[in-house]
Amino acid sequence: MTAVARRRDAPPAEAHFREYLHRVYDPGALVRFDERVRLDAYDSGGSRMAMDWYDGADGAPTIVFVPGSLAYGRLFAYPALLLAERGVGCVTFDFCRSVRGDDVFDFTVPTHVANIVDVVRRIRAERAGPVILFGLSYGGIMSLLASEREPVDAMIWYASPKPASREFVRSQPGARLLIPIVTALSKLLPRVRVPLTAVVDYDKVSSERAFLDVYRSDPGVAKACTLRALASTLGDVDDHGALARARFPFLVMHARDDRLFSIALSRAAFDEIGSADKRFIELDGHGHWPSTPDGIRTMVDHVAAFAANLASRAAGG
């Protein structure tokens, strides 16, 4: 197994993801990860970032886990591993973002969209079978924007709002005032540090103490970003009608008890999807992200069924 050459400014998350497996999900998955997962890297925008392959059956769909801008690929190692063990290929990857010595993340949404495009092109070059983008939280809108540049065969959103929608702006206190102010200030002071606890309540990610204990100490999860990054996250997320133009199979999932983003936001986005082949699934008790073993397995059941249906149609079944 080839180790990934780590970028000097990459967050030190390569080992911390194991804490989720050991303390939250399944300690036995640590051994299975080391035996099964192929560590690699991809090139995008002049940088080389981590990209992990979870091999499934020959010709099976490949699901690409697209994290939100403030997360990283191996945060989703457990569901990717479970899917691969069912024969569904998966890929996780890190976005390209620079990190200052004080762990301030600097990035833009267009850069992350370009990263997704390059990951999909790399998969197309190396694997047969359908490609599914699985957007998690803000990864949903970024997946959609990427699909406009590099077509995919299907899409999944999990707890993914449409950030430029009126429903989303209204759901975020002070957002109407914050967006123009942040945008204006970012042009003058792009690298000013913004503590993300001022705009994101991380305790709302989960109600599970075991998960939150690991999550709060995770160096790969952004605790601060530049003003430029915040402005891009707030302002560079208009889909310009891409949701209505979507014609591929589309699965949307959201938990009823999500305290970070209301399930109503996913419902509103779902109603805009232009594809006739779309499905909405409400989940129970999983928070913004499934943070129990049962929660992950329930989500994986739905994703595996969606992938199997896509594979059957691709094979003419």
Protein backbone atom coordinates (compact mmCIF):
# COMPACT_ATOMS: atom_id res chain seq x y z
CA MET A 1 0.00 0.00 0.00
CA THR A 2 1.46 3.34 -1.08
CA ALA A 3 1.44 6.19 1.41
CA VAL A 4 0.32 9.62 0.28
CA ALA A 5 2.93 12.35 0.28
CA ARG A 6 1.37 14.92 2.58
CA ARG A 7 1.34 18.55 1.58
CA ARG A 8 3.23 20.76 3.98
CA ASP A 9 0.14 22.86 4.65
CA ALA A 10 -2.38 19.99 4.85
CA PRO A 11 -4.35 19.58 8.09
CA PRO A 12 -3.01 16.75 10.31
CA ALA A 13 -6.15 14.64 9.93
CA GLU A 14 -4.54 11.51 8.49
CA ALA A 15 -4.51 9.72 11.86
CA HIS A 16 -7.38 11.37 13.69
CA PHE A 17 -10.04 9.73 11.49
CA ARG A 18 -9.13 6.47 13.24
CA GLU A 19 -10.59 7.88 16.44
CA TYR A 20 -14.05 7.86 14.85
CA LEU A 21 -13.67 4.20 13.93
CA HIS A 22 -12.25 3.18 17.30
CA ARG A 23 -14.36 5.28 19.67
CA VAL A 24 -17.62 5.86 17.78
CA TYR A 25 -18.32 3.27 15.09
CA ASP A 26 -16.45 -0.03 15.00
CA PRO A 27 -12.89 -0.72 16.23
CA GLY A 28 -12.71 -3.73 13.90
CA ALA A 29 -13.01 -1.37 10.94
CA LEU A 30 -9.49 -0.10 11.64
CA VAL A 31 -7.98 -3.41 10.53
CA ARG A 32 -10.32 -3.66 7.56
CA PHE A 33 -9.44 -0.13 6.47
CA ASP A 34 -5.71 -0.91 6.49
CA GLU A 35 -6.25 -4.15 4.57
CA ARG A 36 -8.68 -2.87 1.97
CA VAL A 37 -8.24 0.84 1.28
CA ARG A 38 -5.73 2.01 -1.32
CA LEU A 39 -4.15 5.34 -0.41
CA ASP A 40 -3.44 7.63 -3.34
CA ALA A 41 -3.37 11.30 -4.31
CA TYR A 42 -4.81 13.45 -7.07
CA ASP A 43 -3.54 16.61 -8.74
CA SER A 44 -5.66 19.75 -8.91
CA GLY A 45 -4.75 23.39 -9.33
CA GLY A 46 -1.06 22.74 -8.89
CA SER A 47 -1.51 20.88 -5.59
CA ARG A 48 -1.47 17.19 -4.72
CA MET A 49 -4.10 16.05 -2.23
CA ALA A 50 -5.14 12.79 -0.57
CA MET A 51 -7.52 10.49 -2.45
CA ASP A 52 -8.47 7.04 -1.11
CA TRP A 53 -9.88 4.17 -3.18
CA TYR A 54 -12.33 1.69 -1.68
CA ASP A 55 -12.56 -0.99 -4.38
CA GLY A 56 -15.92 -2.61 -5.08
CA ALA A 57 -17.03 -5.18 -7.62
CA ASP A 58 -15.82 -4.86 -11.23
CA GLY A 59 -17.97 -2.37 -13.13
CA ALA A 60 -19.92 -1.35 -10.01
CA PRO A 61 -20.80 2.29 -9.44
CA THR A 62 -18.20 4.47 -7.73
CA ILE A 63 -19.54 6.77 -5.05
CA VAL A 64 -17.49 9.91 -4.43
CA PHE A 65 -17.93 11.31 -0.92
CA VAL A 66 -17.86 15.10 -1.24
CA PRO A 67 -17.43 16.74 2.18
CA GLY A 68 -18.47 20.23 3.09
CA SER A 69 -15.81 22.93 2.79
CA LEU A 70 -14.88 22.60 6.47
CA ALA A 71 -14.43 18.81 6.55
CA TYR A 72 -12.14 16.25 4.89
CA GLY A 73 -12.33 12.89 3.11
CA ARG A 74 -11.48 10.32 5.76
CA LEU A 75 -14.13 11.68 8.07
CA PHE A 76 -16.36 9.40 5.95
CA ALA A 77 -14.15 6.32 6.02
CA TYR A 78 -16.69 4.15 7.85
CA PRO A 79 -19.64 4.46 5.41
CA ALA A 80 -17.23 4.18 2.47
CA LEU A 81 -15.80 0.98 3.93
CA LEU A 82 -19.24 -0.53 4.56
CA LEU A 83 -20.31 0.25 0.99
CA ALA A 84 -17.14 -1.24 -0.47
CA GLU A 85 -17.75 -4.40 1.53
CA ARG A 86 -21.13 -4.62 -0.23
CA GLY A 87 -19.44 -4.32 -3.62
CA VAL A 88 -19.98 -0.60 -4.19
CA GLY A 89 -16.77 1.25 -5.04
CA CYS A 90 -16.09 4.47 -3.14
CA VAL A 91 -13.61 7.33 -3.19
CA THR A 92 -12.89 9.87 -0.48
CA PHE A 93 -10.65 12.89 -1.02
CA ASP A 94 -9.39 16.09 0.58
CA PHE A 95 -10.06 19.52 -0.83
CA CYS A 96 -7.18 21.79 -1.72
CA ARG A 97 -6.92 24.46 0.94
CA SER A 98 -4.01 26.21 2.52
CA VAL A 99 -3.69 26.21 6.29
CA ARG A 100 -1.75 28.86 8.19
CA GLY A 101 0.34 27.95 11.19
CA ASP A 102 -2.57 28.86 13.46
CA ASP A 103 -4.85 26.42 11.61
CA VAL A 104 -6.80 29.04 9.66
CA PHE A 105 -8.28 27.49 6.51
CA ASP A 106 -8.13 29.48 3.28
CA PHE A 107 -10.07 28.36 0.20
CA THR A 108 -12.81 29.31 -2.25
CA VAL A 109 -15.86 27.40 -3.41
CA PRO A 110 -14.77 27.57 -7.10
CA THR A 111 -11.45 25.95 -6.12
CA HIS A 112 -13.29 23.14 -4.36
CA VAL A 113 -15.60 22.66 -7.33
CA ALA A 114 -12.51 22.35 -9.55
CA ASN A 115 -11.15 19.72 -7.12
CA ILE A 116 -14.33 17.64 -7.53
CA VAL A 117 -14.09 17.90 -11.31
CA ASP A 118 -10.49 16.65 -11.24
CA VAL A 119 -11.40 13.75 -8.93
CA VAL A 120 -14.24 12.66 -11.24
CA ARG A 121 -11.98 12.85 -14.29
CA ARG A 122 -9.37 10.75 -12.50
CA ILE A 123 -12.01 8.12 -11.68
CA ARG A 124 -13.30 8.08 -15.26
CA ALA A 125 -9.75 7.44 -16.46
CA GLU A 126 -9.21 4.49 -14.13
CA ARG A 127 -12.60 2.85 -13.54
CA ALA A 128 -15.54 1.68 -15.59
CA GLY A 129 -19.06 1.96 -14.26
CA PRO A 130 -21.31 4.84 -13.20
CA VAL A 131 -20.02 7.67 -11.04
CA ILE A 132 -22.22 9.01 -8.22
CA LEU A 133 -21.41 12.22 -6.38
CA PHE A 134 -22.49 12.03 -2.72
CA GLY A 135 -22.62 15.59 -1.39
CA LEU A 136 -22.62 15.99 2.38
CA SER A 137 -23.93 19.30 3.76
CA TYR A 138 -22.29 22.05 1.65
CA GLY A 139 -20.80 19.26 -0.45
CA GLY A 140 -24.21 18.98 -2.09
CA ILE A 141 -24.20 22.34 -3.83
CA MET A 142 -20.52 21.94 -4.75
CA SER A 143 -21.25 18.51 -6.27
CA LEU A 144 -24.04 20.02 -8.32
CA LEU A 145 -21.83 22.84 -9.60
CA ALA A 146 -19.12 20.30 -10.48
CA SER A 147 -21.61 18.15 -12.41
CA GLU A 148 -22.28 21.10 -14.70
CA ARG A 149 -18.62 20.97 -15.73
CA GLU A 150 -18.06 17.20 -15.62
CA PRO A 151 -21.24 15.13 -16.05
CA VAL A 152 -21.94 12.31 -13.60
CA ASP A 153 -24.45 9.45 -13.66
CA ALA A 154 -26.31 10.17 -10.42
CA MET A 155 -26.23 12.30 -7.30
CA ILE A 156 -26.95 11.96 -3.60
CA TRP A 157 -27.39 14.82 -1.15
CA TYR A 158 -27.30 14.32 2.60
CA ALA A 159 -28.47 17.24 4.77
CA SER A 160 -27.58 19.55 1.89
CA PRO A 161 -29.40 22.87 1.63
CA LYS A 162 -29.44 25.16 -1.35
CA PRO A 163 -27.42 27.98 0.28
CA ALA A 164 -28.45 30.72 -2.15
CA SER A 165 -32.17 30.06 -1.65
CA ARG A 166 -34.48 32.39 0.24
CA GLU A 167 -35.39 29.51 2.56
CA PHE A 168 -31.76 29.02 3.59
CA VAL A 169 -31.02 32.72 4.06
CA ARG A 170 -34.14 33.12 6.20
CA SER A 171 -33.16 30.10 8.31
CA GLN A 172 -29.80 31.62 9.28
CA PRO A 173 -30.07 34.47 11.81
CA GLY A 174 -28.52 37.65 10.48
CA ALA A 175 -27.58 36.07 7.13
CA ARG A 176 -29.14 38.85 5.06
CA LEU A 177 -26.87 41.40 6.72
CA LEU A 178 -23.85 39.13 7.06
CA ILE A 179 -23.45 38.23 3.38
CA PRO A 180 -22.98 41.75 1.93
CA ILE A 181 -20.82 42.86 4.87
CA VAL A 182 -18.52 39.83 4.69
CA THR A 183 -18.28 40.12 0.90
CA ALA A 184 -17.26 43.77 1.08
CA LEU A 185 -14.74 43.27 3.90
CA SER A 186 -13.16 40.24 2.18
CA LYS A 187 -12.09 42.43 -0.72
CA LEU A 188 -10.15 44.66 1.68
CA LEU A 189 -8.93 42.11 4.25
CA PRO A 190 -9.08 38.67 2.59
CA ARG A 191 -6.80 36.88 5.06
CA VAL A 192 -8.29 38.11 8.31
CA ARG A 193 -9.03 35.23 10.70
CA VAL A 194 -12.70 34.39 11.37
CA PRO A 195 -13.46 31.99 14.27
CA LEU A 196 -16.07 29.63 12.89
CA THR A 197 -17.73 29.20 16.25
CA ALA A 198 -19.09 32.69 15.60
CA VAL A 199 -21.11 31.43 12.63
CA VAL A 200 -21.39 27.63 13.14
CA ASP A 201 -22.59 25.82 16.26
CA TYR A 202 -20.57 22.60 16.12
CA ASP A 203 -22.56 21.11 18.97
CA LYS A 204 -25.51 20.89 16.56
CA VAL A 205 -23.67 18.41 14.33
CA SER A 206 -24.68 15.58 16.65
CA SER A 207 -26.40 14.87 19.96
CA GLU A 208 -24.06 11.92 20.59
CA ARG A 209 -21.39 12.72 23.17
CA ALA A 210 -18.93 10.07 21.90
CA PHE A 211 -19.02 11.56 18.40
CA LEU A 212 -18.77 15.17 19.57
CA ASP A 213 -15.79 14.41 21.81
CA VAL A 214 -13.86 13.14 18.78
CA TYR A 215 -15.23 15.79 16.41
CA ARG A 216 -14.34 18.78 18.61
CA SER A 217 -10.70 17.66 18.83
CA ASP A 218 -10.38 16.82 15.12
CA PRO A 219 -7.64 18.98 13.53
CA GLY A 220 -9.07 18.26 10.08
CA VAL A 221 -12.34 20.04 10.88
CA ALA A 222 -11.94 23.78 10.43
CA LYS A 223 -12.14 25.90 13.57
CA ALA A 224 -11.26 29.15 11.80
CA CYS A 225 -11.08 30.37 8.22
CA THR A 226 -10.09 33.48 6.35
CA LEU A 227 -12.58 36.20 5.55
CA ARG A 228 -12.10 35.31 1.89
CA ALA A 229 -13.12 31.70 2.55
CA LEU A 230 -16.20 32.74 4.52
CA ALA A 231 -17.25 35.18 1.80
CA SER A 232 -16.89 32.48 -0.84
CA THR A 233 -18.87 29.97 1.25
CA LEU A 234 -21.68 32.49 1.61
CA GLY A 235 -21.57 34.06 -1.83
CA ASP A 236 -20.26 31.60 -4.43
CA VAL A 237 -23.02 29.02 -3.99
CA ASP A 238 -25.75 30.06 -6.43
CA ASP A 239 -26.62 27.09 -8.64
CA HIS A 240 -28.03 29.38 -11.39
CA GLY A 241 -30.76 26.86 -12.19
CA ALA A 242 -28.57 23.74 -12.15
CA LEU A 243 -30.92 21.94 -9.75
CA ALA A 244 -33.82 22.43 -12.15
CA ARG A 245 -31.65 21.25 -15.06
CA ALA A 246 -30.59 18.02 -13.29
CA ARG A 247 -31.83 14.97 -15.21
CA PHE A 248 -29.85 12.17 -13.55
CA PRO A 249 -31.19 9.93 -10.73
CA PHE A 250 -31.17 11.94 -7.53
CA LEU A 251 -31.46 10.76 -3.93
CA VAL A 252 -31.94 13.28 -1.11
CA MET A 253 -31.67 12.26 2.56
CA HIS A 254 -32.06 14.29 5.72
CA ALA A 255 -32.65 13.52 9.39
CA ARG A 256 -35.77 14.87 11.07
CA ASP A 257 -33.81 15.94 14.15
CA ASP A 258 -31.05 17.87 12.34
CA ARG A 259 -30.51 20.97 14.48
CA LEU A 260 -27.94 22.56 12.15
CA PHE A 261 -29.97 22.62 8.93
CA SER A 262 -33.71 22.03 9.05
CA ILE A 263 -35.10 19.15 7.01
CA ALA A 264 -37.40 21.73 5.40
CA LEU A 265 -34.35 23.12 3.55
CA SER A 266 -33.73 19.75 1.89
CA ARG A 267 -37.43 19.50 1.05
CA ALA A 268 -37.30 22.89 -0.67
CA ALA A 269 -34.21 21.89 -2.66
CA PHE A 270 -35.77 18.53 -3.55
CA ASP A 271 -38.83 20.25 -5.00
CA GLU A 272 -36.56 22.17 -7.40
CA ILE A 273 -34.80 19.08 -8.81
CA GLY A 274 -35.73 18.72 -12.47
CA SER A 275 -35.15 14.97 -12.69
CA ALA A 276 -38.23 12.76 -12.81
CA ASP A 277 -36.14 10.08 -11.13
CA LYS A 278 -35.77 11.50 -7.64
CA ARG A 279 -36.47 10.28 -4.13
CA PHE A 280 -36.57 11.90 -0.70
CA ILE A 281 -35.84 9.88 2.45
CA GLU A 282 -36.38 11.12 5.99
CA LEU A 283 -34.20 9.49 8.63
CA ASP A 284 -34.75 9.29 12.37
CA GLY A 285 -32.42 10.27 15.18
CA HIS A 286 -29.19 10.82 13.29
CA GLY A 287 -28.57 14.55 13.64
CA HIS A 288 -26.82 16.55 10.94
CA TRP A 289 -24.61 13.54 10.25
CA PRO A 290 -25.20 9.92 11.33
CA SER A 291 -23.04 9.62 14.43
CA THR A 292 -23.91 6.15 15.70
CA PRO A 293 -23.13 2.73 14.14
CA ASP A 294 -26.85 2.13 13.53
CA GLY A 295 -27.24 5.55 11.96
CA ILE A 296 -24.42 4.93 9.51
CA ARG A 297 -25.72 1.46 8.61
CA THR A 298 -29.22 2.80 7.97
CA MET A 299 -27.86 5.47 5.66
CA VAL A 300 -25.63 2.92 3.91
CA ASP A 301 -28.64 0.65 3.32
CA HIS A 302 -30.38 3.40 1.35
CA VAL A 303 -27.24 4.37 -0.56
CA ALA A 304 -26.44 0.74 -1.47
CA ALA A 305 -29.98 0.23 -2.77
CA PHE A 306 -29.73 3.41 -4.86
CA ALA A 307 -26.37 2.30 -6.31
CA ALA A 308 -27.68 -1.22 -7.05
CA ASN A 309 -30.66 0.21 -8.93
CA LEU A 310 -28.37 2.45 -10.97
CA ALA A 311 -26.06 -0.47 -11.75
CA SER A 312 -28.99 -2.62 -12.86
CA ARG A 313 -30.18 0.04 -15.28
CA ALA A 314 -26.68 0.64 -16.59
CA ALA A 315 -26.46 -3.10 -17.32
CA GLY A 316 -29.82 -3.02 -19.09
CA GLY A 317 -31.63 -4.88 -16.29
